[in-house]
Amino acid sequence: MSYATKVYKALGGNELVVESGGKVTLKPGSTLENAGDFFVSVTFDSDFFTVTEGEVTLKAEVAALLTLVDNIPTSDPEVAGQIWSDGGVLKVSAGE
């Protein structure tokens, strides 16, 4: 069995190389700074975003889902089939 990484430091250690299929992930709170002139190419997952003339937009279905999740009640709404959060555990109300 062999292992070939898709992200590695080039010989000499002053260049990070990302092969096809590899990716760089920036965790929350991290930044990527442009310290010079270089071309930046960003790929967005087409399941969640649309890109038109350089403008990135969250798809309406995803935005609606985020709104739904943001508005989940934290107590039983007593409406049959309504989802609610019991301390972070999603539950389905049985109704009154």
Protein backbone atom coordinates (compact mmCIF):
# COMPACT_ATOMS: atom_id res chain seq x y z
CA MET A 1 0.00 0.00 0.00
CA SER A 2 1.32 3.44 -0.87
CA TYR A 3 0.21 6.83 0.33
CA ALA A 4 0.48 10.03 -1.70
CA THR A 5 -0.66 13.26 -0.08
CA LYS A 6 -2.41 15.87 -2.19
CA VAL A 7 -1.17 18.77 -0.05
CA TYR A 8 2.54 19.05 0.71
CA LYS A 9 5.50 21.41 1.07
CA ALA A 10 7.62 21.63 -2.06
CA LEU A 11 11.30 20.76 -1.89
CA GLY A 12 12.98 23.60 -0.02
CA GLY A 13 9.91 24.13 2.18
CA ASN A 14 8.92 27.58 0.94
CA GLU A 15 5.92 26.55 -1.15
CA LEU A 16 2.68 24.75 -0.29
CA VAL A 17 1.43 22.60 -3.16
CA VAL A 18 -2.18 21.44 -3.51
CA GLU A 19 -2.63 18.71 -6.11
CA SER A 20 -5.89 18.12 -7.99
CA GLY A 21 -8.44 16.79 -5.52
CA GLY A 22 -6.67 18.31 -2.53
CA LYS A 23 -7.93 21.26 -0.54
CA VAL A 24 -6.89 23.82 2.04
CA THR A 25 -9.31 24.37 4.92
CA LEU A 26 -9.31 27.55 6.97
CA LYS A 27 -10.82 27.02 10.40
CA PRO A 28 -12.99 29.68 12.08
CA GLY A 29 -10.90 32.63 13.22
CA SER A 30 -8.10 31.95 10.72
CA THR A 31 -7.14 34.28 7.89
CA LEU A 32 -5.50 34.06 4.52
CA GLU A 33 -3.46 37.14 3.68
CA ASN A 34 -2.34 38.25 0.25
CA ALA A 35 1.27 39.31 0.78
CA GLY A 36 1.87 40.02 -2.90
CA ASP A 37 0.40 39.88 -6.37
CA PHE A 38 -1.09 36.52 -7.14
CA PHE A 39 -4.19 35.16 -8.84
CA VAL A 40 -6.75 33.69 -6.47
CA SER A 41 -9.12 31.00 -7.66
CA VAL A 42 -11.83 29.82 -5.29
CA THR A 43 -14.20 26.94 -5.96
CA PHE A 44 -17.59 26.94 -4.25
CA ASP A 45 -19.70 23.83 -3.84
CA SER A 46 -22.45 24.18 -6.45
CA ASP A 47 -24.88 22.33 -4.16
CA PHE A 48 -24.89 25.33 -1.82
CA PHE A 49 -23.74 28.39 -3.80
CA THR A 50 -24.19 30.01 -7.20
CA VAL A 51 -21.50 32.18 -8.77
CA THR A 52 -22.61 34.75 -11.34
CA GLU A 53 -20.25 37.35 -12.77
CA GLY A 54 -17.95 36.97 -9.77
CA GLU A 55 -20.73 37.29 -7.19
CA VAL A 56 -21.23 34.38 -4.81
CA THR A 57 -24.77 33.77 -3.55
CA LEU A 58 -26.10 31.21 -1.11
CA LYS A 59 -28.79 29.16 -2.85
CA ALA A 60 -32.34 30.00 -1.75
CA GLU A 61 -33.01 26.46 -0.51
CA VAL A 62 -29.96 26.59 1.75
CA ALA A 63 -30.81 30.06 3.03
CA ALA A 64 -34.36 28.86 3.82
CA LEU A 65 -32.97 25.87 5.72
CA LEU A 66 -30.68 28.12 7.76
CA THR A 67 -33.64 30.36 8.60
CA LEU A 68 -35.65 27.30 9.63
CA VAL A 69 -32.84 26.02 11.86
CA ASP A 70 -32.36 29.47 13.38
CA ASN A 71 -36.04 29.64 14.29
CA ILE A 72 -36.54 26.18 15.83
CA PRO A 73 -38.47 26.55 19.10
CA THR A 74 -36.73 25.50 22.33
CA SER A 75 -39.89 24.22 23.99
CA ASP A 76 -42.58 21.83 22.74
CA PRO A 77 -44.89 23.93 20.52
CA GLU A 78 -47.62 21.30 21.00
CA VAL A 79 -48.27 21.21 17.24
CA ALA A 80 -48.22 17.69 15.83
CA GLY A 81 -45.21 17.17 13.56
CA GLN A 82 -43.45 20.44 14.51
CA ILE A 83 -39.71 20.08 15.16
CA TRP A 84 -38.30 21.61 18.33
CA SER A 85 -34.98 21.57 20.20
CA ASP A 86 -34.80 20.07 23.67
CA GLY A 87 -31.36 21.22 24.85
CA GLY A 88 -29.86 20.65 21.40
CA VAL A 89 -31.69 17.36 20.78
CA LEU A 90 -34.19 17.66 17.92
CA LYS A 91 -37.63 16.27 18.74
CA VAL A 92 -40.94 16.09 16.92
CA SER A 93 -43.97 17.36 18.81
CA ALA A 94 -46.83 14.92 19.31
CA GLY A 95 -49.26 17.83 19.54
CA GLU A 96 -51.48 18.83 22.43
